[in-house]
Amino acid sequence: MNNKKLLIIILCVSIFILSIGLATFSSHLSIKSSTTVSPNPDNFKVIASASETDTNENILIPNIARYSSAPSDTPLTQTGTNAIIKNGQNEINIENLSISFDTPGQIVNYTFYIHNIGRYRTYLKLHQESTNPKCTALEGTNPEIIKKICLEEMITSIFYRNNETKSWLWLNHSVKNVFIEPGEVMKLMISFTYKSEKNLRADGPFNIDYGNIGINFSTAMFE
């Protein structure tokens, strides 16, 4: 057998062996790609509570106040229903938000705490305000004035407390870098204000049913 024939035989054998190797490797990849891994949900767990130390308190009692620039004689006659915290896997909902006002400068606040009891840094993604609050003029109040007040004078804000500076900061849809480390607790506040910047004054009490406000979370800042 001459060298030329021997070279051809060696080349054919090499190709055959390489083909078997590639097929085996491809089969191995196929098996691995079909495997599904489910993360432990306890590793990403955030719970809202009315208490800073107890994660099981789900009733929020309203706090009434005056706006900072409101006259000192502004009556604190506004009321609010007890709100309910509903915790989900990736979101928190504050439900049963219904408030009554009668004088500009009145505020109703709900404060609560967010506990990161998981293993990952968790980012506060956004807040979802109720888009269709129901406004109702109560007995003796002009409904047309109340309609304008609800559209133009009511302010809903969400604030978070910076754990380092202890200051309240406004949370809006553009915020991306608010996070809670594992084991930390963050204080939040939902504030409803009858500010009356356009001097629209109700001639009696009125009620606003805000429904729910939701807060979402993620382990990724820009998800």
Protein backbone atom coordinates (compact mmCIF):
# COMPACT_ATOMS: atom_id res chain seq x y z
CA MET A 1 0.00 0.00 0.00
CA ASN A 2 1.49 3.26 -1.06
CA ASN A 3 1.58 6.38 1.03
CA LYS A 4 -1.23 8.04 -0.92
CA LYS A 5 -3.73 5.27 -0.16
CA LEU A 6 -2.65 5.17 3.48
CA LEU A 7 -3.25 8.90 3.84
CA ILE A 8 -6.75 8.56 2.37
CA ILE A 9 -7.62 5.76 4.82
CA ILE A 10 -6.36 7.76 7.81
CA LEU A 11 -8.36 10.81 6.69
CA CYS A 12 -11.59 8.78 6.34
CA VAL A 13 -11.14 7.21 9.79
CA SER A 14 -10.49 10.65 11.32
CA ILE A 15 -13.66 12.09 9.81
CA PHE A 16 -15.69 9.14 11.09
CA ILE A 17 -14.35 9.51 14.63
CA LEU A 18 -14.92 13.28 14.60
CA SER A 19 -18.52 12.79 13.42
CA ILE A 20 -19.23 10.43 16.33
CA GLY A 21 -17.68 12.88 18.78
CA LEU A 22 -19.75 15.82 17.51
CA ALA A 23 -22.95 13.79 17.62
CA THR A 24 -22.24 12.76 21.21
CA PHE A 25 -21.44 16.35 22.22
CA SER A 26 -24.59 17.67 20.52
CA SER A 27 -26.71 15.07 22.24
CA HIS A 28 -25.20 16.10 25.55
CA LEU A 29 -26.06 19.75 24.91
CA SER A 30 -29.61 18.84 23.98
CA ILE A 31 -30.15 17.02 27.24
CA LYS A 32 -28.86 19.96 29.27
CA SER A 33 -30.94 22.52 27.41
CA SER A 34 -34.15 20.67 28.22
CA THR A 35 -33.57 20.99 31.97
CA THR A 36 -35.68 23.60 33.82
CA VAL A 37 -34.66 25.10 37.15
CA SER A 38 -37.28 26.88 39.30
CA PRO A 39 -35.97 29.47 41.79
CA ASN A 40 -36.95 29.25 45.44
CA PRO A 41 -39.65 31.93 45.95
CA ASP A 42 -38.42 32.52 49.51
CA ASN A 43 -35.19 33.97 48.10
CA PHE A 44 -37.16 36.94 46.72
CA LYS A 45 -39.71 37.93 49.32
CA VAL A 46 -40.95 41.40 50.27
CA ILE A 47 -43.78 41.98 52.73
CA ALA A 48 -45.60 45.21 53.58
CA SER A 49 -46.93 45.70 57.08
CA ALA A 50 -48.37 48.44 59.27
CA SER A 51 -45.71 47.54 61.82
CA GLU A 52 -41.95 48.15 61.66
CA THR A 53 -41.26 44.96 63.60
CA ASP A 54 -44.18 42.62 62.82
CA THR A 55 -44.84 41.50 59.23
CA ASN A 56 -48.38 40.30 60.01
CA GLU A 57 -50.12 43.66 60.54
CA ASN A 58 -52.23 44.39 57.43
CA ILE A 59 -54.60 47.17 58.58
CA LEU A 60 -53.57 50.79 57.93
CA ILE A 61 -55.19 53.49 60.07
CA PRO A 62 -55.34 56.95 58.42
CA ASN A 63 -53.56 59.95 59.87
CA ILE A 64 -55.10 63.40 59.34
CA ALA A 65 -53.06 66.59 59.04
CA ARG A 66 -52.89 70.06 57.50
CA TYR A 67 -50.87 71.02 54.44
CA SER A 68 -47.69 72.90 55.36
CA SER A 69 -48.94 76.24 53.95
CA ALA A 70 -52.55 75.85 55.11
CA PRO A 71 -53.92 78.30 57.72
CA SER A 72 -53.58 77.10 61.31
CA ASP A 73 -57.35 77.20 61.73
CA THR A 74 -57.94 74.70 58.89
CA PRO A 75 -60.32 72.18 60.50
CA LEU A 76 -59.17 68.59 60.84
CA THR A 77 -62.58 67.25 59.90
CA GLN A 78 -61.40 64.99 57.08
CA THR A 79 -61.76 61.22 57.46
CA GLY A 80 -60.38 58.08 55.87
CA THR A 81 -61.28 54.42 55.90
CA ASN A 82 -58.95 51.82 57.35
CA ALA A 83 -56.96 50.52 54.38
CA ILE A 84 -55.92 46.91 53.84
CA ILE A 85 -52.50 45.62 52.75
CA LYS A 86 -52.52 42.75 50.27
CA ASN A 87 -49.10 41.15 49.73
CA GLY A 88 -48.27 39.33 46.49
CA GLN A 89 -45.13 37.67 45.11
CA ASN A 90 -43.95 40.70 43.11
CA GLU A 91 -46.30 43.45 44.22
CA ILE A 92 -48.06 45.04 47.15
CA ASN A 93 -51.55 46.51 46.94
CA ILE A 94 -53.11 48.99 49.36
CA GLU A 95 -56.87 48.53 49.12
CA ASN A 96 -60.05 50.17 50.46
CA LEU A 97 -58.78 53.75 50.13
CA SER A 98 -61.77 56.04 50.60
CA ILE A 99 -61.43 59.58 51.98
CA SER A 100 -63.74 62.51 52.80
CA PHE A 101 -62.68 66.19 52.69
CA ASP A 102 -64.46 69.51 53.20
CA THR A 103 -61.77 72.23 53.40
CA PRO A 104 -58.67 73.09 51.33
CA GLY A 105 -55.40 72.29 53.08
CA GLN A 106 -56.55 68.97 54.50
CA ILE A 107 -54.34 65.86 54.18
CA VAL A 108 -54.90 62.16 54.87
CA ASN A 109 -51.78 59.98 55.12
CA TYR A 110 -51.27 56.23 55.28
CA THR A 111 -47.85 55.02 56.45
CA PHE A 112 -46.55 51.47 56.33
CA TYR A 113 -43.30 49.49 56.23
CA ILE A 114 -41.72 47.26 53.59
CA HIS A 115 -39.71 44.31 54.93
CA ASN A 116 -37.17 42.60 52.66
CA ILE A 117 -37.03 39.11 54.19
CA GLY A 118 -35.50 37.48 51.11
CA ARG A 119 -31.88 37.02 50.06
CA TYR A 120 -31.59 39.63 47.30
CA ARG A 121 -31.45 43.40 47.03
CA THR A 122 -34.92 44.43 45.90
CA TYR A 123 -35.72 47.49 43.78
CA LEU A 124 -38.89 49.50 44.15
CA LYS A 125 -40.04 49.59 40.52
CA LEU A 126 -43.01 51.93 40.30
CA HIS A 127 -46.27 52.91 41.86
CA GLN A 128 -49.65 52.53 40.22
CA GLU A 129 -52.12 55.18 41.21
CA SER A 130 -55.81 54.58 40.85
CA THR A 131 -56.64 56.11 37.46
CA ASN A 132 -60.38 56.47 37.99
CA PRO A 133 -61.14 57.66 41.52
CA LYS A 134 -64.85 58.02 42.19
CA CYS A 135 -65.82 61.44 43.56
CA THR A 136 -69.14 61.91 45.34
CA ALA A 137 -70.65 65.15 46.65
CA LEU A 138 -72.17 64.46 50.04
CA GLU A 139 -75.44 65.96 51.31
CA GLY A 140 -75.69 69.71 50.74
CA THR A 141 -72.58 69.92 48.52
CA ASN A 142 -72.60 71.17 44.91
CA PRO A 143 -71.64 68.20 42.69
CA GLU A 144 -70.34 70.41 39.86
CA ILE A 145 -67.80 72.07 42.15
CA ILE A 146 -66.73 68.69 43.50
CA LYS A 147 -66.22 67.39 39.96
CA LYS A 148 -63.78 70.23 39.24
CA ILE A 149 -62.01 69.80 42.57
CA CYS A 150 -61.44 66.10 41.95
CA LEU A 151 -60.00 66.76 38.51
CA GLU A 152 -57.87 69.79 39.32
CA GLU A 153 -57.15 70.09 43.04
CA MET A 154 -56.57 66.64 44.51
CA ILE A 155 -52.97 65.44 44.80
CA THR A 156 -51.92 61.83 45.40
CA SER A 157 -48.27 61.31 46.32
CA ILE A 158 -46.13 58.40 47.48
CA PHE A 159 -43.02 59.04 49.56
CA TYR A 160 -40.28 56.76 50.85
CA ARG A 161 -38.05 57.40 53.83
CA ASN A 162 -34.33 57.38 53.18
CA ASN A 163 -32.81 55.11 55.83
CA GLU A 164 -29.57 57.13 55.97
CA THR A 165 -30.81 60.74 55.93
CA LYS A 166 -34.21 59.97 57.54
CA SER A 167 -35.80 62.39 55.05
CA TRP A 168 -38.96 61.80 53.00
CA LEU A 169 -38.37 61.60 49.23
CA TRP A 170 -40.99 61.66 46.50
CA LEU A 171 -41.48 58.45 44.56
CA ASN A 172 -42.54 58.77 40.93
CA HIS A 173 -42.54 56.65 37.78
CA SER A 174 -39.04 57.76 36.76
CA VAL A 175 -37.39 56.49 39.96
CA LYS A 176 -35.12 53.51 39.23
CA ASN A 177 -32.58 53.27 42.04
CA VAL A 178 -34.63 52.93 45.22
CA PHE A 179 -33.76 49.59 46.78
CA ILE A 180 -33.99 47.61 50.01
CA GLU A 181 -31.18 45.33 51.11
CA PRO A 182 -31.92 41.89 52.59
CA GLY A 183 -33.00 42.23 56.21
CA GLU A 184 -33.77 45.95 55.89
CA VAL A 185 -37.07 47.78 56.44
CA MET A 186 -38.23 50.86 54.51
CA LYS A 187 -41.01 53.23 55.53
CA LEU A 188 -43.48 54.47 52.89
CA MET A 189 -46.32 56.97 52.98
CA ILE A 190 -49.28 57.51 50.67
CA SER A 191 -50.54 61.07 50.95
CA PHE A 192 -53.87 62.49 49.72
CA THR A 193 -54.07 66.29 49.70
CA TYR A 194 -56.85 68.76 48.98
CA LYS A 195 -54.45 71.57 48.11
CA SER A 196 -56.69 74.02 46.22
CA GLU A 197 -54.03 75.83 44.23
CA LYS A 198 -56.73 77.18 41.92
CA ASN A 199 -58.87 78.36 44.85
CA LEU A 200 -61.67 75.92 44.17
CA ARG A 201 -63.44 75.58 47.49
CA ALA A 202 -66.05 72.99 48.26
CA ASP A 203 -69.29 74.22 49.81
CA GLY A 204 -69.59 71.05 51.86
CA PRO A 205 -68.10 67.59 52.41
CA PHE A 206 -67.26 65.23 49.57
CA ASN A 207 -65.88 61.72 49.31
CA ILE A 208 -63.24 60.22 47.00
CA ASP A 209 -62.98 56.46 46.55
CA TYR A 210 -59.45 55.80 45.28
CA GLY A 211 -59.77 52.02 45.17
CA ASN A 212 -56.30 50.45 45.18
CA ILE A 213 -52.72 51.66 44.85
CA GLY A 214 -50.03 49.13 43.91
CA ILE A 215 -46.26 48.97 44.30
CA ASN A 216 -44.12 46.57 42.27
CA PHE A 217 -40.70 45.11 43.03
CA SER A 218 -37.89 43.42 41.16
CA THR A 219 -34.33 42.23 41.73
CA ALA A 220 -33.27 44.14 38.57
CA MET A 221 -33.00 47.92 38.49
CA PHE A 222 -34.00 48.42 34.85
CA GLU A 223 -36.35 45.49 34.30
